[in-house]
Structure formats: structure tokens, C-alpha cells
Amino acid sequence: MSALRVRGRGLPDESPVDLWIDGGVLSTEPIADADLIHDGGWILPGLVDAHCHVGIEYGGGHTDLAGSIAQAEIERGVGALLLRDAGSPVDTRALDDYDDLPRIIRAGRHIASPKRYIPGLAIDIEDGSQLPEAVARQARFGDGWVKLVGDWIDRSVGDLRPLWDDAILVDAIAAAHTEGARVTAHVFGEDALPGLIAAGIDCIEHGTGLTDETIEMMVQHGTALVPTLINIDTFPGIADSAIRYPVYARHMRALHARVGDTVGRAHDAGIPIFAGTDAGGSIAHGRIADEVDALGRVGLSPTDALGAACWDARTWLGRGGLEHGAPADLVVYSDDPRGGADVLSNPELVILRGRVTDRRGRAASGSGYGDG
């Protein structure tokens, strides 16, 4: 296979980009006789969905290996080449053997307590004292992340309530950090946030219950936020179905109504924000461009919103961008990818591990790379 070359402009600074690709790796040093496959437009490192669930079916349930591959292919087709899987009951490590699928950073399985999360998805901890051990186990199983369920509806009170005591959270998060893993948590409401943040959690998912106090706590602790805005759009429907729990329904509607202000204030305060769709379950895969658009509507600039799903997210997750020696995972656009979801979700070329595909995931003709 001959070496490849791409030229264009990059972001965030719109500077010229001239890259060579050989053996699945980027080079900023010229390679003789490389095949120039794109000249002009925009060249970015592969997009990132920082909160998705490979193996969980859209609409509910689990899928098999073939279904997980199909989900990963959808993500690849829209240029999402790095996926942070924020909890899945399906062991998707077999996908690592496929050179033509996105890279996945796994958090193992969700950790919850009995009857306090979606049935079949989480590992249930009967006693809170078992949480540090469970966290350490999932840290060893995953790829540097652990996912807690921070709050969920408690049907005995009819509203969102935290799952864990603050003291045990300190030990649990310390256990993950000892294993070299970071911890994130699903949190919809207000009450679970102070204990999680004070215990040193690394990230909050959703974060619809953030207040001025907990925003300031996150700033002080350097805690990141993945707000999953297109998933928050499902809150009114969840509330409509919760006819037996009117307090919970009102709470979910209120969280939804103020989410733009909530995330906007978090951004203004300087909290690192990254783009995640929560694909799997109630959200279809392949919608990272919609999440970028949603981040723009709550106050992020077009460049910052795209960075939350690209170069900034890659840095946060410890993955390379366009530098010399980085994996050759690129998305290429003729038009400015900040131009909206229709542009961002339709890259002209997707280059994964040095393999060129079109936006539909088929091997590109004339690329010099076959289907094998």
C-alpha cells in the first residue's frame, strides 16, 4: 500500500494542515510518492462521542456481537472514531480485533443498587460497603473508567434520590484511582452531586441538577461535565409516563426546562464540557453532530462545541490528534464542519487507522486500500 497525503485547514486555529499517512500513523514529515487524496477543505482528528453505549439496543434490550458491530459502523460513518462507552452489559472487547471499527474506551458495567436503575444493565450492590470492591473490579475490567449510578427514582418516596452515602463514595473513588481509573456518574437531580464531587469524582454525566454551589464545587475540583443534551430532550416523555409518581414527573420537567441555563452557567464558570449523545436505549447511534449543535444552543461557540466532540475531547481522554506519530484517524470535510449538523455528520472522507472510507463506511474507490 502506498502512503497517503491530505492537505487542508485544521481547527481550532484554522491553520494549514499537511499530513502523510503510512502504516496507519500520521507523519508531518514528507513521504515520497504519497498519493494525494484530498487537497483543500478541513481536516480534523476523528470525532468523539464521550457518552454512548455500544451493545445496548435503541429502544431497549441488549444486542449480540453483530449488533454491536453494526452500531460501531454507524458511528464510523458519521466520523465518530473514538467512543467512550459509559457502561454496557455486553462485553464488546472483541470489537478491538476489527481494524475498521472505532476505538472504544470502556467503563465496564454500570454500578447501582437493587431496583435503582434500568433492569438488566447494572451490577447491583446489595450493601453500600461493597461499593469500593465493585469499583475496583470494574476499573480492572474497563479501559480507565468506572461508571456509577449516582441517583435514580426511589419509588418509596416517588422522586430522584442518591444511591450512595457520601463516606463510601470517598473510599470507592479512591479505589478506582488506585487502579489508575477515572470515575463518572449518572446524575439527573440535585442531591447526589455534592457528595460525588467532594469525593473526587472525575466527571458528571447529564448534570441537569447542577446549582451555583455544585458548579463552583466542580470548578474547584476540576470535574468535567458530559451533559448529553439530546438525551435530556427525552425528559418530558419520561415525565408523561410517570403517572404514578407526580413529584418525580414535575421534577423531570423542571430539570428539562432549565437545562439550557444550567449547562450555560457551567460553561461560563469554566467547567470542561464534552459532547456525548447517550446513544443506546432511547437515543440512536450516529448523532454526535446533533449533540454539537445542542451545545451551541446553550452558549458554546461553534468552535468550542466542535472541540467538545473532537480535539478537546481527545486530549481529555488521552488520545492523539493531528500530531506526528498519532494514529491516522481523521475526518475530512469540503465545507466548514462548524456549519451545522448536516455538514458535520457527512464527512467527505473518514480515515481510520490509515484506512480510507466514505461517509457510508464503504472502502473508498481509488484509495489503494481494499475491503480486507
Protein backbone atom coordinates (compact mmCIF):
# COMPACT_ATOMS: atom_id res chain seq x y z
CA MET A 1 0.00 0.00 0.00
CA SER A 2 1.29 3.42 -0.93
CA ALA A 3 1.47 6.25 1.55
CA LEU A 4 -1.34 8.81 1.50
CA ARG A 5 -1.38 12.58 1.84
CA VAL A 6 -4.08 15.09 2.86
CA ARG A 7 -3.94 18.87 2.79
CA GLY A 8 -6.38 21.45 4.11
CA ARG A 9 -7.08 23.56 7.17
CA GLY A 10 -7.39 22.49 10.77
CA LEU A 11 -9.17 23.71 13.87
CA PRO A 12 -9.37 25.45 16.26
CA ASP A 13 -6.94 27.95 14.71
CA GLU A 14 -7.71 27.32 11.00
CA SER A 15 -4.01 26.76 10.36
CA PRO A 16 -2.75 24.83 7.30
CA VAL A 17 -2.61 21.06 7.66
CA ASP A 18 -0.35 18.87 5.53
CA LEU A 19 -0.18 15.26 6.65
CA TRP A 20 1.19 12.00 5.33
CA ILE A 21 -0.20 8.61 6.34
CA ASP A 22 1.85 5.45 6.34
CA GLY A 23 1.24 2.22 8.22
CA GLY A 24 -1.79 3.68 9.98
CA VAL A 25 0.24 6.52 11.52
CA LEU A 26 0.37 10.25 10.80
CA SER A 27 3.56 11.95 9.70
CA THR A 28 4.25 15.67 9.45
CA GLU A 29 7.41 14.83 7.54
CA PRO A 30 7.07 14.37 3.77
CA ILE A 31 6.90 10.85 2.36
CA ALA A 32 7.97 10.50 -1.24
CA ASP A 33 5.42 9.41 -3.85
CA ALA A 34 2.49 9.61 -1.45
CA ASP A 35 -0.95 9.58 -3.06
CA LEU A 36 -2.64 12.99 -2.51
CA ILE A 37 -6.24 12.01 -1.76
CA HIS A 38 -7.59 15.37 -0.56
CA ASP A 39 -6.45 18.93 -1.16
CA GLY A 40 -8.35 21.80 0.46
CA GLY A 41 -11.26 21.93 2.87
CA TRP A 42 -10.96 20.93 6.50
CA ILE A 43 -9.10 18.11 8.24
CA LEU A 44 -9.86 17.09 11.82
CA PRO A 45 -8.92 14.21 14.10
CA GLY A 46 -11.73 11.67 14.35
CA LEU A 47 -14.82 12.85 16.21
CA VAL A 48 -15.53 11.65 19.76
CA ASP A 49 -18.80 10.52 21.33
CA ALA A 50 -17.88 10.81 25.00
CA HIS A 51 -21.02 9.06 26.27
CA CYS A 52 -22.53 6.17 24.37
CA HIS A 53 -23.41 2.52 24.94
CA VAL A 54 -22.28 0.00 22.35
CA GLY A 55 -24.28 -3.19 22.85
CA ILE A 56 -27.48 -1.60 24.16
CA GLU A 57 -30.25 -1.62 21.58
CA TYR A 58 -32.07 1.53 20.52
CA GLY A 59 -35.46 1.12 22.18
CA GLY A 60 -34.11 -1.17 24.94
CA GLY A 61 -32.51 -4.56 25.40
CA HIS A 62 -29.10 -5.96 24.55
CA THR A 63 -27.58 -6.85 21.22
CA ASP A 64 -25.10 -9.50 20.11
CA LEU A 65 -21.67 -9.13 18.52
CA ALA A 66 -23.14 -8.49 15.08
CA GLY A 67 -25.43 -5.82 16.51
CA SER A 68 -22.56 -4.17 18.36
CA ILE A 69 -20.52 -4.11 15.14
CA ALA A 70 -23.45 -2.52 13.32
CA GLN A 71 -23.67 0.21 15.97
CA ALA A 72 -19.94 0.90 15.71
CA GLU A 73 -20.23 1.10 11.92
CA ILE A 74 -22.94 3.73 12.23
CA GLU A 75 -20.65 5.80 14.42
CA ARG A 76 -17.79 5.38 11.97
CA GLY A 77 -19.99 6.54 9.12
CA VAL A 78 -20.54 9.94 10.76
CA GLY A 79 -16.87 10.29 11.67
CA ALA A 80 -17.09 9.31 15.36
CA LEU A 81 -13.89 7.27 15.59
CA LEU A 82 -13.42 7.34 19.37
CA LEU A 83 -16.24 6.22 21.67
CA ARG A 84 -16.29 6.43 25.44
CA ASP A 85 -18.70 3.64 26.32
CA ALA A 86 -20.27 4.82 29.57
CA GLY A 87 -21.46 1.41 30.74
CA SER A 88 -22.70 -1.66 28.90
CA PRO A 89 -23.77 -5.16 29.98
CA VAL A 90 -22.31 -6.50 26.73
CA ASP A 91 -18.62 -7.38 26.58
CA THR A 92 -17.54 -5.56 23.42
CA ARG A 93 -13.81 -6.19 23.70
CA ALA A 94 -14.00 -8.44 20.62
CA LEU A 95 -14.52 -5.27 18.57
CA ASP A 96 -10.92 -4.30 19.31
CA ASP A 97 -9.87 -7.01 16.85
CA TYR A 98 -11.57 -5.20 13.96
CA ASP A 99 -9.23 -2.69 12.32
CA ASP A 100 -12.11 -0.94 10.56
CA LEU A 101 -14.15 -0.05 13.67
CA PRO A 102 -13.87 2.94 16.02
CA ARG A 103 -11.76 2.66 19.12
CA ILE A 104 -13.79 2.16 22.31
CA ILE A 105 -12.86 3.33 25.80
CA ARG A 106 -14.99 1.23 28.16
CA ALA A 107 -16.26 1.90 31.67
CA GLY A 108 -17.25 -1.71 32.29
CA ARG A 109 -20.79 -2.08 33.63
CA HIS A 110 -22.88 0.47 35.49
CA ILE A 111 -22.79 0.04 39.26
CA ALA A 112 -26.10 0.53 41.07
CA SER A 113 -28.16 -0.87 43.92
CA PRO A 114 -31.16 -3.20 43.56
CA LYS A 115 -34.23 -1.73 41.81
CA ARG A 116 -32.48 1.64 41.43
CA TYR A 117 -31.63 1.53 37.73
CA ILE A 118 -32.80 0.12 34.40
CA PRO A 119 -33.26 -3.66 34.85
CA GLY A 120 -30.51 -5.80 33.38
CA LEU A 121 -27.96 -3.06 32.73
CA ALA A 122 -26.13 -2.63 36.03
CA ILE A 123 -24.25 -4.69 38.56
CA ASP A 124 -26.37 -4.39 41.70
CA ILE A 125 -24.62 -3.85 45.04
CA GLU A 126 -26.70 -5.19 47.93
CA ASP A 127 -24.81 -3.21 50.57
CA GLY A 128 -23.05 0.12 50.12
CA SER A 129 -19.98 -1.19 51.90
CA GLN A 130 -19.35 -3.40 48.83
CA LEU A 131 -19.03 -0.41 46.54
CA PRO A 132 -15.21 0.10 46.72
CA GLU A 133 -14.58 -3.54 45.82
CA ALA A 134 -17.07 -3.40 42.94
CA VAL A 135 -15.49 -0.20 41.66
CA ALA A 136 -12.01 -1.71 41.76
CA ARG A 137 -13.26 -4.76 39.84
CA GLN A 138 -14.85 -2.67 37.10
CA ALA A 139 -11.74 -0.49 36.93
CA ARG A 140 -9.72 -3.59 36.10
CA PHE A 141 -12.30 -4.71 33.54
CA GLY A 142 -12.67 -1.38 31.76
CA ASP A 143 -10.33 0.92 29.89
CA GLY A 144 -9.58 3.51 32.53
CA TRP A 145 -13.14 4.49 33.53
CA VAL A 146 -15.79 3.35 36.00
CA LYS A 147 -19.47 4.34 35.83
CA LEU A 148 -21.63 4.80 38.94
CA VAL A 149 -25.36 5.39 39.00
CA GLY A 150 -25.43 8.43 41.26
CA ASP A 151 -29.18 8.89 41.52
CA TRP A 152 -32.39 7.32 40.23
CA ILE A 153 -36.04 7.29 41.16
CA ASP A 154 -36.72 5.86 44.62
CA ARG A 155 -40.27 4.60 44.33
CA SER A 156 -40.69 4.60 48.10
CA VAL A 157 -40.51 8.41 48.07
CA GLY A 158 -41.59 9.00 44.47
CA ASP A 159 -38.64 11.12 43.35
CA LEU A 160 -34.94 11.09 42.46
CA ARG A 161 -32.65 10.20 45.35
CA PRO A 162 -28.94 9.40 45.71
CA LEU A 163 -27.88 5.76 45.80
CA TRP A 164 -24.74 6.06 47.95
CA ASP A 165 -23.62 7.51 51.27
CA ASP A 166 -21.03 10.24 50.96
CA ALA A 167 -18.46 8.42 53.10
CA ILE A 168 -18.47 5.26 50.97
CA LEU A 169 -18.10 7.38 47.82
CA VAL A 170 -14.76 8.66 49.12
CA ASP A 171 -13.47 5.10 49.51
CA ALA A 172 -14.95 3.94 46.20
CA ILE A 173 -13.49 6.73 44.11
CA ALA A 174 -10.14 6.31 45.84
CA ALA A 175 -10.27 2.61 44.94
CA ALA A 176 -10.72 3.46 41.26
CA HIS A 177 -7.91 5.98 41.34
CA THR A 178 -5.62 3.40 42.93
CA GLU A 179 -6.35 1.17 39.93
CA GLY A 180 -5.48 4.02 37.57
CA ALA A 181 -9.10 4.61 36.52
CA ARG A 182 -11.29 7.68 36.50
CA VAL A 183 -14.87 7.68 37.75
CA THR A 184 -18.01 9.19 36.31
CA ALA A 185 -21.63 9.06 37.44
CA HIS A 186 -25.11 9.28 36.04
CA VAL A 187 -26.80 12.16 37.89
CA PHE A 188 -30.12 13.79 37.00
CA GLY A 189 -31.07 15.56 40.23
CA GLU A 190 -29.50 17.92 42.74
CA ASP A 191 -28.97 15.88 45.91
CA ALA A 192 -26.33 13.37 44.75
CA LEU A 193 -23.97 15.97 43.32
CA PRO A 194 -22.29 17.44 46.44
CA GLY A 195 -21.19 14.06 47.79
CA LEU A 196 -19.89 12.83 44.44
CA ILE A 197 -17.94 16.00 43.68
CA ALA A 198 -16.50 16.28 47.20
CA ALA A 199 -15.39 12.64 46.99
CA GLY A 200 -13.23 13.47 43.97
CA ILE A 201 -15.27 12.14 41.07
CA ASP A 202 -13.73 12.95 37.71
CA CYS A 203 -16.84 13.56 35.62
CA ILE A 204 -20.59 14.02 35.87
CA GLU A 205 -22.93 12.68 33.20
CA HIS A 206 -26.10 14.70 32.44
CA GLY A 207 -25.76 17.12 35.38
CA THR A 208 -29.22 18.60 34.97
CA GLY A 209 -29.44 19.25 38.72
CA LEU A 210 -26.39 21.48 38.93
CA THR A 211 -26.75 24.57 41.11
CA ASP A 212 -24.48 27.56 41.64
CA GLU A 213 -22.98 25.76 44.64
CA THR A 214 -22.22 22.50 42.85
CA ILE A 215 -20.98 24.32 39.75
CA GLU A 216 -18.45 26.08 41.97
CA MET A 217 -17.51 22.75 43.56
CA MET A 218 -16.87 21.26 40.11
CA VAL A 219 -14.68 24.21 39.19
CA GLN A 220 -12.65 23.80 42.39
CA HIS A 221 -12.23 20.04 41.87
CA GLY A 222 -11.64 20.17 38.12
CA THR A 223 -14.65 17.92 37.48
CA ALA A 224 -15.75 17.53 33.86
CA LEU A 225 -19.33 17.51 32.55
CA VAL A 226 -20.88 15.50 29.71
CA PRO A 227 -24.42 16.91 29.55
CA THR A 228 -25.93 14.60 26.86
CA LEU A 229 -28.35 17.32 25.80
CA ILE A 230 -30.14 15.34 23.11
CA ASN A 231 -30.93 12.72 25.74
CA ILE A 232 -32.29 15.37 28.12
CA ASP A 233 -34.84 16.11 25.39
CA THR A 234 -36.48 12.80 26.38
CA PHE A 235 -37.32 14.06 29.90
CA PRO A 236 -40.83 15.31 29.06
CA GLY A 237 -41.74 11.91 27.66
CA ILE A 238 -40.33 10.20 30.76
CA ALA A 239 -42.43 12.53 32.90
CA ASP A 240 -45.56 11.83 30.87
CA SER A 241 -45.15 8.10 31.50
CA ALA A 242 -44.58 8.52 35.28
CA ILE A 243 -48.26 8.92 36.14
CA ARG A 244 -47.83 7.07 39.46
CA TYR A 245 -45.09 9.44 40.58
CA PRO A 246 -46.28 13.03 40.12
CA VAL A 247 -43.45 14.57 42.20
CA TYR A 248 -40.85 12.81 40.08
CA ALA A 249 -42.66 13.85 36.89
CA ARG A 250 -42.68 17.51 37.94
CA HIS A 251 -39.02 17.29 38.88
CA MET A 252 -38.03 15.85 35.49
CA ARG A 253 -39.97 18.53 33.63
CA ALA A 254 -38.32 21.25 35.72
CA LEU A 255 -34.84 19.83 35.09
CA HIS A 256 -35.57 19.77 31.37
CA ALA A 257 -36.98 23.29 31.33
CA ARG A 258 -33.84 24.84 32.79
CA VAL A 259 -31.14 22.63 31.25
CA GLY A 260 -30.02 25.30 28.78
CA ASP A 261 -29.42 27.76 31.58
CA THR A 262 -27.81 25.07 33.75
CA VAL A 263 -25.25 23.96 31.17
CA GLY A 264 -24.70 27.53 30.03
CA ARG A 265 -23.77 28.58 33.57
CA ALA A 266 -21.46 25.58 33.90
CA HIS A 267 -19.72 26.60 30.69
CA ASP A 268 -19.44 30.23 31.77
CA ALA A 269 -17.89 29.09 35.06
CA GLY A 270 -15.15 27.23 33.18
CA ILE A 271 -16.21 23.62 33.71
CA PRO A 272 -14.73 21.39 30.97
CA ILE A 273 -17.66 20.21 28.84
CA PHE A 274 -17.53 17.33 26.38
CA ALA A 275 -20.04 16.02 23.85
CA GLY A 276 -21.83 12.74 24.43
CA THR A 277 -25.11 11.54 22.96
CA ASP A 278 -26.08 8.69 25.34
CA ALA A 279 -26.63 6.58 22.22
CA GLY A 280 -28.09 3.18 23.02
CA GLY A 281 -31.51 2.81 24.61
CA SER A 282 -33.52 5.95 23.96
CA ILE A 283 -31.05 7.59 21.55
CA ALA A 284 -29.99 6.16 18.19
CA HIS A 285 -26.31 5.85 17.35
CA GLY A 286 -24.69 8.28 14.93
CA ARG A 287 -26.00 11.56 16.38
CA ILE A 288 -22.85 13.27 17.62
CA ALA A 289 -23.44 16.17 15.21
CA ASP A 290 -26.82 16.81 16.84
CA GLU A 291 -25.13 17.00 20.24
CA VAL A 292 -22.60 19.50 18.92
CA ASP A 293 -25.47 21.64 17.63
CA ALA A 294 -27.19 21.38 21.03
CA LEU A 295 -24.05 22.55 22.82
CA GLY A 296 -24.01 25.58 20.55
CA ARG A 297 -27.56 26.42 21.57
CA VAL A 298 -26.62 26.58 25.28
CA GLY A 299 -23.76 29.02 24.84
CA LEU A 300 -20.68 27.28 23.45
CA SER A 301 -19.19 28.92 20.38
CA PRO A 302 -19.28 26.82 17.18
CA THR A 303 -15.56 26.14 17.56
CA ASP A 304 -15.81 25.21 21.25
CA ALA A 305 -18.84 22.99 20.62
CA LEU A 306 -16.98 21.11 17.91
CA GLY A 307 -13.87 20.89 20.08
CA ALA A 308 -16.01 19.24 22.77
CA ALA A 309 -16.54 16.40 20.26
CA CYS A 310 -13.08 16.44 18.72
CA TRP A 311 -9.66 17.82 19.68
CA ASP A 312 -10.55 18.83 23.27
CA ALA A 313 -12.29 15.52 23.95
CA ARG A 314 -9.34 13.59 22.58
CA THR A 315 -6.94 15.43 24.86
CA TRP A 316 -9.21 14.76 27.85
CA LEU A 317 -9.34 11.07 27.01
CA GLY A 318 -5.61 10.83 26.39
CA ARG A 319 -5.83 10.15 22.65
CA GLY A 320 -3.85 11.73 19.84
CA GLY A 321 -4.95 14.37 17.38
CA LEU A 322 -3.10 15.56 14.28
CA GLU A 323 0.43 15.41 15.68
CA HIS A 324 3.31 13.45 14.20
CA GLY A 325 3.14 9.78 15.21
CA ALA A 326 -0.54 9.85 16.17
CA PRO A 327 -2.88 7.16 14.82
CA ALA A 328 -4.21 8.08 11.39
CA ASP A 329 -7.83 8.62 12.46
CA LEU A 330 -9.17 11.60 10.50
CA VAL A 331 -12.34 13.15 9.18
CA VAL A 332 -12.15 15.34 6.09
CA TYR A 333 -14.71 17.96 5.00
CA SER A 334 -15.02 20.14 1.93
CA ASP A 335 -17.14 22.64 3.86
CA ASP A 336 -16.51 24.14 7.29
CA PRO A 337 -17.61 21.44 9.80
CA ARG A 338 -18.87 24.18 12.11
CA GLY A 339 -21.65 24.81 9.62
CA GLY A 340 -24.24 22.65 11.37
CA ALA A 341 -25.23 19.03 11.89
CA ASP A 342 -25.86 18.33 8.19
CA VAL A 343 -22.27 19.25 7.38
CA LEU A 344 -20.64 17.64 10.42
CA SER A 345 -22.46 14.32 10.05
CA ASN A 346 -21.47 13.97 6.38
CA PRO A 347 -17.68 13.97 6.13
CA GLU A 348 -16.26 13.61 2.65
CA LEU A 349 -13.69 11.10 3.87
CA VAL A 350 -13.28 9.06 7.03
CA ILE A 351 -9.78 7.71 7.59
CA LEU A 352 -9.49 5.10 10.32
CA ARG A 353 -6.16 3.51 11.18
CA GLY A 354 -4.95 4.77 7.82
CA ARG A 355 -7.84 3.06 6.03
CA VAL A 356 -9.93 5.34 3.83
CA THR A 357 -13.72 5.03 3.84
CA ASP A 358 -16.50 7.21 2.57
CA ARG A 359 -19.17 8.53 4.92
CA ARG A 360 -21.28 5.42 4.43
CA GLY A 361 -18.45 3.26 5.74
CA ARG A 362 -17.57 1.53 2.44
CA ALA A 363 -13.99 1.33 1.25
CA ALA A 364 -13.34 4.35 -0.94
CA SER A 365 -12.55 3.62 -4.57
CA GLY A 366 -9.08 4.58 -5.71
CA SER A 367 -7.74 4.77 -2.15
CA GLY A 368 -5.34 1.90 -2.57
CA TYR A 369 -6.99 0.15 0.39
CA GLY A 370 -9.12 -2.93 -0.14
CA ASP A 371 -12.01 -4.38 1.78
CA GLY A 372 -9.92 -6.85 3.77
